[in-house]
Amino acid sequence: MTATSTATCGKCSSTQVPLPIVVWQGQLTRNNDVLVLYPSLWEVDEQPAVFRTPYEQAIANRAADVMNNPAVRSALDQPGISEVRGNLALQMFSHGPFAPADRPIGVEAVPGKLGGSDAGFFDRIIVLSLKKIEDAINAPPKYPGMPAGTIGPSFFEPGVIWAPSPDAYNFSGQYVLYLNVQRY
């Protein structure tokens, strides 16, 4: 099934992405391989690479050390596909003038580098193994109208993040990113 996602607004252009998007395709060996995903959703403003580019460039370093994260290791023993909260991956400085820029959906207040509070984004880590994928595929579907093996990590957007700033009046919302595992 193919659909398109279109984002439009007064200041941004329309972007069409065919859905579903294949994130990874390959072979996992039972009790040996683990697939770790770092899903994120982004709001893109006038400067689309201010925060996203450094975030994406740093994922490889964080992923190289992911198996030293006790929460990820314990997730391997839990049934079903596991979602783990990772470390603070991005801290957006909120003091002084702020130009509209991209930002991940799901930021939260963290202690500021210069006092006060900044906006921070913590990694979301999805932990998959062959057993977890097979269990998810063989379980009844969790979401109406979606196949078994679908998970839906949600990203909460709290609304006001900085004040005053161009983003001070953004609206709160709950966003869900659906991921589906399949056997080929």
N, C-alpha and C. Protein backbone atom coordinates (compact mmCIF):
# COMPACT_ATOMS: atom_id res chain seq x y z
N MET A 1 0.84 -1.16 0.00
CA MET A 1 0.00 0.00 0.00
C MET A 1 0.90 1.23 0.00
N THR A 2 0.57 2.21 -0.82
CA THR A 2 1.36 3.42 -0.89
C THR A 2 0.47 4.62 -0.66
N ALA A 3 0.93 5.52 0.16
CA ALA A 3 0.23 6.77 0.41
C ALA A 3 1.25 7.87 0.34
N THR A 4 0.82 9.10 0.41
CA THR A 4 1.77 10.20 0.46
C THR A 4 1.48 11.05 1.66
N SER A 5 2.53 11.61 2.21
CA SER A 5 2.41 12.53 3.31
C SER A 5 2.72 13.91 2.79
N THR A 6 1.83 14.85 3.01
CA THR A 6 2.04 16.20 2.51
C THR A 6 1.97 17.18 3.66
N ALA A 7 2.98 18.02 3.78
CA ALA A 7 2.98 19.04 4.81
C ALA A 7 2.89 20.41 4.14
N THR A 8 1.91 21.19 4.51
CA THR A 8 1.79 22.53 3.95
C THR A 8 1.48 23.51 5.06
N CYS A 9 1.93 24.73 4.87
CA CYS A 9 1.58 25.80 5.78
C CYS A 9 1.88 27.11 5.06
N GLY A 10 1.57 28.21 5.69
CA GLY A 10 1.76 29.50 5.06
C GLY A 10 3.21 29.82 4.76
N LYS A 11 4.15 29.34 5.60
CA LYS A 11 5.55 29.68 5.43
C LYS A 11 6.38 28.56 4.82
N CYS A 12 5.85 27.35 4.73
CA CYS A 12 6.68 26.24 4.26
C CYS A 12 6.15 25.69 2.95
N SER A 13 6.98 24.94 2.30
CA SER A 13 6.58 24.36 1.03
C SER A 13 6.05 22.95 1.24
N SER A 14 5.38 22.46 0.23
CA SER A 14 4.80 21.12 0.28
C SER A 14 5.88 20.08 0.03
N THR A 15 5.87 19.03 0.83
CA THR A 15 6.81 17.94 0.66
C THR A 15 6.02 16.65 0.56
N GLN A 16 6.29 15.86 -0.48
CA GLN A 16 5.61 14.59 -0.62
C GLN A 16 6.61 13.46 -0.46
N VAL A 17 6.28 12.55 0.42
CA VAL A 17 7.12 11.39 0.68
C VAL A 17 6.24 10.16 0.51
N PRO A 18 6.63 9.23 -0.38
CA PRO A 18 5.80 8.02 -0.50
C PRO A 18 5.89 7.18 0.76
N LEU A 19 4.74 6.71 1.21
CA LEU A 19 4.68 5.87 2.40
C LEU A 19 4.17 4.50 2.02
N PRO A 20 4.57 3.45 2.63
CA PRO A 20 5.54 3.39 3.73
C PRO A 20 6.96 3.55 3.23
N ILE A 21 7.84 3.95 4.13
CA ILE A 21 9.26 4.09 3.86
C ILE A 21 9.96 2.87 4.45
N VAL A 22 10.78 2.19 3.65
CA VAL A 22 11.55 1.06 4.17
C VAL A 22 12.73 1.63 4.93
N VAL A 23 12.79 1.33 6.22
CA VAL A 23 13.86 1.85 7.07
C VAL A 23 15.06 0.91 7.06
N TRP A 24 14.81 -0.38 7.12
CA TRP A 24 15.88 -1.36 7.12
C TRP A 24 15.35 -2.66 6.55
N GLN A 25 16.17 -3.33 5.76
CA GLN A 25 15.83 -4.64 5.24
C GLN A 25 17.09 -5.48 5.30
N GLY A 26 17.00 -6.63 5.92
CA GLY A 26 18.18 -7.47 6.05
C GLY A 26 17.85 -8.74 6.81
N GLN A 27 18.88 -9.39 7.27
CA GLN A 27 18.72 -10.66 7.96
C GLN A 27 19.27 -10.54 9.37
N LEU A 28 18.49 -11.05 10.33
CA LEU A 28 18.92 -11.09 11.73
C LEU A 28 19.11 -12.54 12.14
N THR A 29 20.16 -12.81 12.88
CA THR A 29 20.41 -14.15 13.39
C THR A 29 19.89 -14.23 14.82
N ARG A 30 19.10 -15.29 15.09
CA ARG A 30 18.51 -15.46 16.42
C ARG A 30 19.62 -15.50 17.48
N ASN A 31 19.36 -14.81 18.60
CA ASN A 31 20.27 -14.73 19.75
C ASN A 31 21.64 -14.15 19.42
N ASN A 32 21.74 -13.43 18.30
CA ASN A 32 23.02 -12.86 17.94
C ASN A 32 22.92 -11.40 17.50
N ASP A 33 21.93 -11.08 16.67
CA ASP A 33 21.81 -9.73 16.10
C ASP A 33 20.72 -8.93 16.78
N VAL A 34 20.96 -7.65 16.90
CA VAL A 34 19.98 -6.71 17.43
C VAL A 34 19.91 -5.53 16.49
N LEU A 35 18.70 -5.12 16.16
CA LEU A 35 18.49 -3.94 15.33
C LEU A 35 18.00 -2.83 16.26
N VAL A 36 18.68 -1.69 16.22
CA VAL A 36 18.34 -0.58 17.07
C VAL A 36 18.00 0.61 16.18
N LEU A 37 16.80 1.17 16.37
CA LEU A 37 16.35 2.32 15.57
C LEU A 37 16.23 3.54 16.46
N TYR A 38 16.50 4.71 15.89
CA TYR A 38 16.37 5.99 16.59
C TYR A 38 15.33 6.83 15.85
N PRO A 39 14.04 6.58 16.06
CA PRO A 39 13.03 7.35 15.32
C PRO A 39 12.88 8.76 15.88
N SER A 40 12.60 9.70 15.01
CA SER A 40 12.31 11.07 15.43
C SER A 40 11.41 11.72 14.39
N LEU A 41 10.64 12.70 14.84
CA LEU A 41 9.81 13.52 13.97
C LEU A 41 10.30 14.95 14.13
N TRP A 42 10.26 15.73 13.04
CA TRP A 42 10.84 17.07 13.06
C TRP A 42 9.86 18.11 12.53
N GLU A 43 9.90 19.28 13.17
CA GLU A 43 9.22 20.46 12.63
C GLU A 43 10.29 21.22 11.87
N VAL A 44 10.00 21.58 10.64
CA VAL A 44 10.99 22.29 9.82
C VAL A 44 10.52 23.72 9.64
N ASP A 45 11.32 24.66 10.09
CA ASP A 45 11.03 26.07 9.90
C ASP A 45 11.99 26.64 8.87
N GLU A 46 12.30 27.92 9.00
CA GLU A 46 13.10 28.60 7.99
C GLU A 46 14.52 28.07 7.86
N GLN A 47 15.06 27.50 8.89
CA GLN A 47 16.43 26.97 8.85
C GLN A 47 16.36 25.46 9.09
N PRO A 48 16.16 24.67 8.04
CA PRO A 48 15.86 23.24 8.22
C PRO A 48 17.00 22.36 8.68
N ALA A 49 18.21 22.85 8.81
CA ALA A 49 19.30 21.96 9.20
C ALA A 49 20.06 22.43 10.44
N VAL A 50 19.55 23.41 11.16
CA VAL A 50 20.26 23.96 12.31
C VAL A 50 20.45 22.90 13.40
N PHE A 51 19.39 22.20 13.77
CA PHE A 51 19.49 21.19 14.82
C PHE A 51 19.49 19.77 14.26
N ARG A 52 18.80 19.54 13.15
CA ARG A 52 18.68 18.19 12.63
C ARG A 52 20.02 17.64 12.14
N THR A 53 20.79 18.46 11.45
CA THR A 53 22.07 17.98 10.93
C THR A 53 23.00 17.53 12.05
N PRO A 54 23.24 18.34 13.11
CA PRO A 54 24.12 17.83 14.17
C PRO A 54 23.53 16.62 14.89
N TYR A 55 22.20 16.57 15.05
CA TYR A 55 21.57 15.42 15.69
C TYR A 55 21.85 14.15 14.87
N GLU A 56 21.62 14.22 13.57
CA GLU A 56 21.81 13.04 12.72
C GLU A 56 23.28 12.65 12.62
N GLN A 57 24.18 13.62 12.59
CA GLN A 57 25.60 13.31 12.51
C GLN A 57 26.10 12.60 13.76
N ALA A 58 25.48 12.86 14.89
CA ALA A 58 25.94 12.27 16.15
C ALA A 58 25.32 10.91 16.45
N ILE A 59 24.31 10.50 15.68
CA ILE A 59 23.65 9.21 15.95
C ILE A 59 24.62 8.04 15.85
N ALA A 60 25.50 8.07 14.87
CA ALA A 60 26.44 6.94 14.69
C ALA A 60 27.29 6.73 15.95
N ASN A 61 27.76 7.81 16.55
CA ASN A 61 28.56 7.67 17.78
C ASN A 61 27.72 7.12 18.93
N ARG A 62 26.48 7.60 19.06
CA ARG A 62 25.63 7.10 20.14
C ARG A 62 25.24 5.64 19.89
N ALA A 63 24.99 5.30 18.64
CA ALA A 63 24.60 3.93 18.31
C ALA A 63 25.75 2.96 18.56
N ALA A 64 26.99 3.41 18.35
CA ALA A 64 28.14 2.53 18.57
C ALA A 64 28.24 2.10 20.03
N ASP A 65 27.69 2.91 20.93
CA ASP A 65 27.78 2.62 22.36
C ASP A 65 26.44 2.16 22.95
N VAL A 66 25.45 1.92 22.09
CA VAL A 66 24.09 1.66 22.57
C VAL A 66 23.99 0.41 23.44
N MET A 67 24.79 -0.61 23.18
CA MET A 67 24.68 -1.85 23.96
C MET A 67 25.26 -1.70 25.37
N ASN A 68 25.90 -0.57 25.65
CA ASN A 68 26.34 -0.29 27.02
C ASN A 68 25.26 0.40 27.83
N ASN A 69 24.14 0.71 27.19
CA ASN A 69 23.01 1.34 27.88
C ASN A 69 22.24 0.23 28.61
N PRO A 70 22.17 0.28 29.95
CA PRO A 70 21.49 -0.78 30.70
C PRO A 70 20.02 -0.95 30.31
N ALA A 71 19.33 0.14 29.95
CA ALA A 71 17.92 0.03 29.56
C ALA A 71 17.78 -0.73 28.25
N VAL A 72 18.70 -0.54 27.33
CA VAL A 72 18.66 -1.28 26.06
C VAL A 72 18.94 -2.75 26.32
N ARG A 73 19.93 -3.04 27.14
CA ARG A 73 20.26 -4.44 27.43
C ARG A 73 19.10 -5.15 28.13
N SER A 74 18.44 -4.48 29.06
CA SER A 74 17.31 -5.13 29.74
C SER A 74 16.12 -5.27 28.79
N ALA A 75 16.01 -4.40 27.80
CA ALA A 75 14.90 -4.50 26.84
C ALA A 75 14.99 -5.79 26.02
N LEU A 76 16.18 -6.33 25.88
CA LEU A 76 16.34 -7.57 25.11
C LEU A 76 15.62 -8.74 25.77
N ASP A 77 15.48 -8.68 27.09
CA ASP A 77 14.82 -9.77 27.82
C ASP A 77 13.33 -9.56 27.96
N GLN A 78 12.82 -8.40 27.56
CA GLN A 78 11.39 -8.11 27.70
C GLN A 78 10.65 -8.61 26.46
N PRO A 79 9.42 -9.09 26.64
CA PRO A 79 8.65 -9.52 25.48
C PRO A 79 8.21 -8.33 24.63
N GLY A 80 8.02 -8.58 23.37
CA GLY A 80 7.53 -7.54 22.46
C GLY A 80 8.61 -6.57 22.03
N ILE A 81 8.25 -5.70 21.11
CA ILE A 81 9.17 -4.68 20.63
C ILE A 81 9.31 -3.64 21.73
N SER A 82 10.53 -3.29 22.06
CA SER A 82 10.78 -2.40 23.19
C SER A 82 11.12 -0.99 22.73
N GLU A 83 10.59 -0.02 23.46
CA GLU A 83 10.94 1.38 23.26
C GLU A 83 11.65 1.86 24.52
N VAL A 84 12.85 2.40 24.35
CA VAL A 84 13.69 2.83 25.46
C VAL A 84 13.95 4.32 25.34
N ARG A 85 13.89 5.01 26.46
CA ARG A 85 14.29 6.41 26.48
C ARG A 85 15.80 6.46 26.58
N GLY A 86 16.43 7.13 25.63
CA GLY A 86 17.87 7.25 25.63
C GLY A 86 18.34 8.47 26.38
N ASN A 87 19.58 8.81 26.19
CA ASN A 87 20.18 9.96 26.84
C ASN A 87 19.78 11.26 26.15
N LEU A 88 20.09 12.37 26.79
CA LEU A 88 19.86 13.68 26.19
C LEU A 88 20.71 13.77 24.93
N ALA A 89 20.06 13.87 23.79
CA ALA A 89 20.76 13.84 22.51
C ALA A 89 20.97 15.23 21.94
N LEU A 90 20.14 16.18 22.33
CA LEU A 90 20.20 17.51 21.74
C LEU A 90 19.69 18.51 22.76
N GLN A 91 20.47 19.54 23.01
CA GLN A 91 20.04 20.60 23.92
C GLN A 91 20.07 21.91 23.14
N MET A 92 18.92 22.56 23.09
CA MET A 92 18.79 23.79 22.32
C MET A 92 18.85 24.98 23.27
N PHE A 93 19.86 25.78 23.10
CA PHE A 93 20.10 26.95 23.92
C PHE A 93 18.94 27.92 23.76
N SER A 94 18.36 28.40 24.85
CA SER A 94 17.16 29.22 24.74
C SER A 94 17.32 30.65 25.23
N HIS A 95 18.54 31.07 25.55
CA HIS A 95 18.74 32.43 26.02
C HIS A 95 19.19 33.32 24.86
N GLY A 96 18.74 34.54 24.84
CA GLY A 96 19.13 35.47 23.80
C GLY A 96 18.27 35.33 22.57
N PRO A 97 18.64 36.02 21.50
CA PRO A 97 17.82 35.98 20.29
C PRO A 97 17.78 34.57 19.71
N PHE A 98 16.62 34.21 19.22
CA PHE A 98 16.44 32.86 18.66
C PHE A 98 15.81 32.99 17.29
N ALA A 99 16.47 32.43 16.30
CA ALA A 99 15.92 32.45 14.94
C ALA A 99 15.09 31.19 14.74
N PRO A 100 13.98 31.28 14.01
CA PRO A 100 13.19 30.07 13.75
C PRO A 100 14.05 29.00 13.08
N ALA A 101 13.99 27.81 13.60
CA ALA A 101 14.80 26.72 13.06
C ALA A 101 14.05 25.41 13.25
N ASP A 102 14.55 24.38 12.60
CA ASP A 102 13.97 23.06 12.77
C ASP A 102 14.16 22.61 14.20
N ARG A 103 13.29 21.68 14.63
CA ARG A 103 13.47 21.11 15.96
C ARG A 103 12.73 19.78 16.01
N PRO A 104 13.22 18.87 16.84
CA PRO A 104 12.52 17.59 16.97
C PRO A 104 11.24 17.77 17.76
N ILE A 105 10.22 17.04 17.38
CA ILE A 105 8.97 17.04 18.13
C ILE A 105 9.20 16.16 19.36
N GLY A 106 8.80 16.68 20.50
CA GLY A 106 8.98 15.94 21.74
C GLY A 106 10.07 16.50 22.62
N VAL A 107 10.42 17.79 22.42
CA VAL A 107 11.42 18.39 23.31
C VAL A 107 10.80 18.63 24.67
N GLU A 108 11.63 18.73 25.67
CA GLU A 108 11.15 19.01 27.02
C GLU A 108 12.14 19.92 27.72
N ALA A 109 11.72 20.55 28.80
CA ALA A 109 12.60 21.45 29.54
C ALA A 109 13.69 20.66 30.24
N VAL A 110 14.91 21.15 30.11
CA VAL A 110 16.06 20.57 30.81
C VAL A 110 16.83 21.73 31.45
N PRO A 111 17.63 21.46 32.48
CA PRO A 111 18.40 22.55 33.10
C PRO A 111 19.25 23.27 32.06
N GLY A 112 19.16 24.60 32.05
CA GLY A 112 19.88 25.40 31.07
C GLY A 112 21.37 25.45 31.31
N LYS A 113 22.12 25.60 30.23
CA LYS A 113 23.57 25.68 30.33
C LYS A 113 24.02 26.97 31.01
N LEU A 114 23.18 28.01 30.93
CA LEU A 114 23.51 29.28 31.57
C LEU A 114 22.46 29.66 32.61
N GLY A 115 21.89 28.68 33.27
CA GLY A 115 20.81 28.93 34.23
C GLY A 115 19.47 28.86 33.52
N GLY A 116 18.41 28.88 34.25
CA GLY A 116 17.08 28.77 33.64
C GLY A 116 16.89 27.39 33.05
N SER A 117 16.13 27.33 31.96
CA SER A 117 15.93 26.03 31.32
C SER A 117 16.07 26.17 29.82
N ASP A 118 16.56 25.10 29.22
CA ASP A 118 16.68 24.98 27.78
C ASP A 118 15.69 23.92 27.32
N ALA A 119 15.58 23.76 26.03
CA ALA A 119 14.78 22.68 25.47
C ALA A 119 15.71 21.53 25.13
N GLY A 120 15.36 20.33 25.54
CA GLY A 120 16.21 19.17 25.27
C GLY A 120 15.41 18.05 24.62
N PHE A 121 16.09 17.25 23.83
CA PHE A 121 15.46 16.11 23.18
C PHE A 121 16.24 14.86 23.56
N PHE A 122 15.51 13.87 24.07
CA PHE A 122 16.11 12.60 24.46
C PHE A 122 15.89 11.58 23.35
N ASP A 123 16.92 10.79 23.06
CA ASP A 123 16.79 9.73 22.05
C ASP A 123 15.62 8.83 22.38
N ARG A 124 14.92 8.40 21.37
CA ARG A 124 13.93 7.33 21.46
C ARG A 124 14.58 6.15 20.77
N ILE A 125 14.69 5.04 21.45
CA ILE A 125 15.40 3.89 20.90
C ILE A 125 14.43 2.72 20.81
N ILE A 126 14.29 2.17 19.63
CA ILE A 126 13.48 0.97 19.41
C ILE A 126 14.45 -0.21 19.30
N VAL A 127 14.25 -1.21 20.14
CA VAL A 127 15.14 -2.37 20.19
C VAL A 127 14.42 -3.57 19.57
N LEU A 128 15.02 -4.16 18.54
CA LEU A 128 14.43 -5.29 17.84
C LEU A 128 15.43 -6.43 17.75
N SER A 129 14.92 -7.63 17.93
CA SER A 129 15.70 -8.84 17.67
C SER A 129 14.79 -9.75 16.85
N LEU A 130 15.33 -10.82 16.33
CA LEU A 130 14.52 -11.74 15.54
C LEU A 130 13.35 -12.27 16.36
N LYS A 131 13.59 -12.62 17.62
CA LYS A 131 12.50 -13.14 18.46
C LYS A 131 11.43 -12.07 18.67
N LYS A 132 11.83 -10.84 18.95
CA LYS A 132 10.86 -9.77 19.17
C LYS A 132 10.03 -9.52 17.90
N ILE A 133 10.67 -9.58 16.74
CA ILE A 133 9.95 -9.37 15.48
C ILE A 133 8.96 -10.50 15.24
N GLU A 134 9.40 -11.74 15.43
CA GLU A 134 8.50 -12.88 15.23
C GLU A 134 7.33 -12.83 16.20
N ASP A 135 7.60 -12.49 17.46
CA ASP A 135 6.51 -12.38 18.44
C ASP A 135 5.50 -11.30 18.02
N ALA A 136 5.99 -10.18 17.54
CA ALA A 136 5.10 -9.09 17.13
C ALA A 136 4.26 -9.49 15.92
N ILE A 137 4.86 -10.18 14.98
CA ILE A 137 4.13 -10.60 13.77
C ILE A 137 3.08 -11.65 14.13
N ASN A 138 3.37 -12.53 15.08
CA ASN A 138 2.44 -13.60 15.46
C ASN A 138 1.38 -13.16 16.46
N ALA A 139 1.54 -11.97 17.04
CA ALA A 139 0.55 -11.46 18.00
C ALA A 139 -0.61 -10.81 17.25
N PRO A 140 -1.77 -10.69 17.89
CA PRO A 140 -2.88 -9.99 17.25
C PRO A 140 -2.50 -8.52 17.01
N PRO A 141 -3.06 -7.89 15.98
CA PRO A 141 -2.76 -6.48 15.72
C PRO A 141 -3.11 -5.61 16.92
N LYS A 142 -2.25 -4.61 17.19
CA LYS A 142 -2.48 -3.70 18.30
C LYS A 142 -3.33 -2.50 17.89
N TYR A 143 -3.32 -2.15 16.59
CA TYR A 143 -4.01 -0.95 16.12
C TYR A 143 -5.04 -1.33 15.06
N PRO A 144 -6.26 -0.83 15.17
CA PRO A 144 -7.30 -1.16 14.19
C PRO A 144 -6.88 -0.75 12.78
N GLY A 145 -7.07 -1.64 11.85
CA GLY A 145 -6.76 -1.36 10.46
C GLY A 145 -5.30 -1.49 10.09
N MET A 146 -4.47 -1.89 11.04
CA MET A 146 -3.04 -2.05 10.76
C MET A 146 -2.64 -3.48 11.02
N PRO A 147 -1.66 -3.97 10.28
CA PRO A 147 -1.27 -5.38 10.44
C PRO A 147 -0.54 -5.64 11.74
N ALA A 148 -0.49 -6.92 12.11
CA ALA A 148 0.31 -7.33 13.27
C ALA A 148 1.75 -6.90 13.02
N GLY A 149 2.47 -6.62 14.07
CA GLY A 149 3.85 -6.18 13.93
C GLY A 149 3.98 -4.67 13.84
N THR A 150 2.87 -3.95 14.03
CA THR A 150 2.90 -2.49 13.99
C THR A 150 3.03 -1.95 15.40
N ILE A 151 3.95 -1.02 15.57
CA ILE A 151 4.08 -0.32 16.85
C ILE A 151 3.88 1.16 16.57
N GLY A 152 3.52 1.90 17.58
CA GLY A 152 3.25 3.32 17.40
C GLY A 152 3.88 4.19 18.46
N PRO A 153 5.19 4.47 18.35
CA PRO A 153 5.78 5.38 19.33
C PRO A 153 5.14 6.76 19.23
N SER A 154 4.76 7.33 20.36
CA SER A 154 4.13 8.65 20.31
C SER A 154 5.12 9.71 20.77
N PHE A 155 4.95 10.87 20.20
CA PHE A 155 5.80 12.02 20.48
C PHE A 155 4.88 13.14 20.95
N PHE A 156 5.04 13.56 22.20
CA PHE A 156 4.20 14.62 22.73
C PHE A 156 4.85 15.97 22.48
N GLU A 157 4.09 16.89 21.94
CA GLU A 157 4.56 18.26 21.74
C GLU A 157 3.89 19.12 22.79
N PRO A 158 4.67 19.66 23.75
CA PRO A 158 4.06 20.33 24.89
C PRO A 158 3.44 21.68 24.61
N GLY A 159 3.76 22.30 23.49
CA GLY A 159 3.22 23.64 23.23
C GLY A 159 4.28 24.67 23.48
N VAL A 160 4.09 25.55 24.43
CA VAL A 160 5.04 26.63 24.65
C VAL A 160 6.38 26.06 25.11
N ILE A 161 7.41 26.40 24.38
CA ILE A 161 8.75 25.93 24.70
C ILE A 161 9.60 27.10 25.17
N TRP A 162 9.65 28.14 24.39
CA TRP A 162 10.42 29.33 24.74
C TRP A 162 9.47 30.52 24.80
N ALA A 163 9.81 31.49 25.60
CA ALA A 163 9.04 32.72 25.60
C ALA A 163 9.99 33.86 25.96
N PRO A 164 10.02 34.93 25.26
CA PRO A 164 9.36 35.12 23.97
C PRO A 164 10.23 34.56 22.84
N SER A 165 9.60 34.09 21.83
CA SER A 165 10.29 33.62 20.62
C SER A 165 9.26 33.35 19.56
N PRO A 166 9.71 33.11 18.34
CA PRO A 166 8.75 32.79 17.28
C PRO A 166 7.96 31.52 17.55
N ASP A 167 8.52 30.60 18.33
CA ASP A 167 7.83 29.34 18.61
C ASP A 167 7.07 29.36 19.93
N ALA A 168 6.94 30.53 20.56
CA ALA A 168 6.31 30.59 21.87
C ALA A 168 4.83 30.27 21.84
N TYR A 169 4.22 30.33 20.68
CA TYR A 169 2.78 30.10 20.60
C TYR A 169 2.45 28.84 19.82
N ASN A 170 3.38 27.91 19.74
CA ASN A 170 3.06 26.67 19.04
C ASN A 170 2.03 25.88 19.84
N PHE A 171 1.29 25.05 19.16
CA PHE A 171 0.20 24.31 19.78
C PHE A 171 0.69 22.95 20.25
N SER A 172 0.09 22.47 21.30
CA SER A 172 0.47 21.14 21.79
C SER A 172 -0.21 20.09 20.92
N GLY A 173 0.35 18.90 20.93
CA GLY A 173 -0.23 17.82 20.15
C GLY A 173 0.44 16.51 20.44
N GLN A 174 -0.23 15.44 20.10
CA GLN A 174 0.30 14.09 20.25
C GLN A 174 0.49 13.54 18.84
N TYR A 175 1.71 13.21 18.49
CA TYR A 175 2.03 12.68 17.18
C TYR A 175 2.40 11.21 17.35
N VAL A 176 2.01 10.38 16.39
CA VAL A 176 2.33 8.96 16.45
C VAL A 176 3.05 8.58 15.16
N LEU A 177 4.18 7.91 15.32
CA LEU A 177 4.94 7.41 14.18
C LEU A 177 4.73 5.89 14.16
N TYR A 178 4.09 5.39 13.13
CA TYR A 178 3.83 3.95 13.05
C TYR A 178 4.99 3.25 12.37
N LEU A 179 5.49 2.21 13.01
CA LEU A 179 6.54 1.37 12.46
C LEU A 179 5.98 -0.04 12.35
N ASN A 180 6.28 -0.68 11.25
CA ASN A 180 5.78 -2.03 11.03
C ASN A 180 6.93 -2.96 10.70
N VAL A 181 6.97 -4.12 11.35
CA VAL A 181 7.97 -5.13 11.03
C VAL A 181 7.30 -6.22 10.22
N GLN A 182 8.02 -6.74 9.22
CA GLN A 182 7.49 -7.78 8.35
C GLN A 182 8.57 -8.81 8.08
N ARG A 183 8.12 -9.99 7.74
CA ARG A 183 9.03 -11.07 7.34
C ARG A 183 9.04 -11.14 5.83
N TYR A 184 10.21 -11.21 5.24
CA TYR A 184 10.33 -11.32 3.76
C TYR A 184 10.89 -12.65 3.40
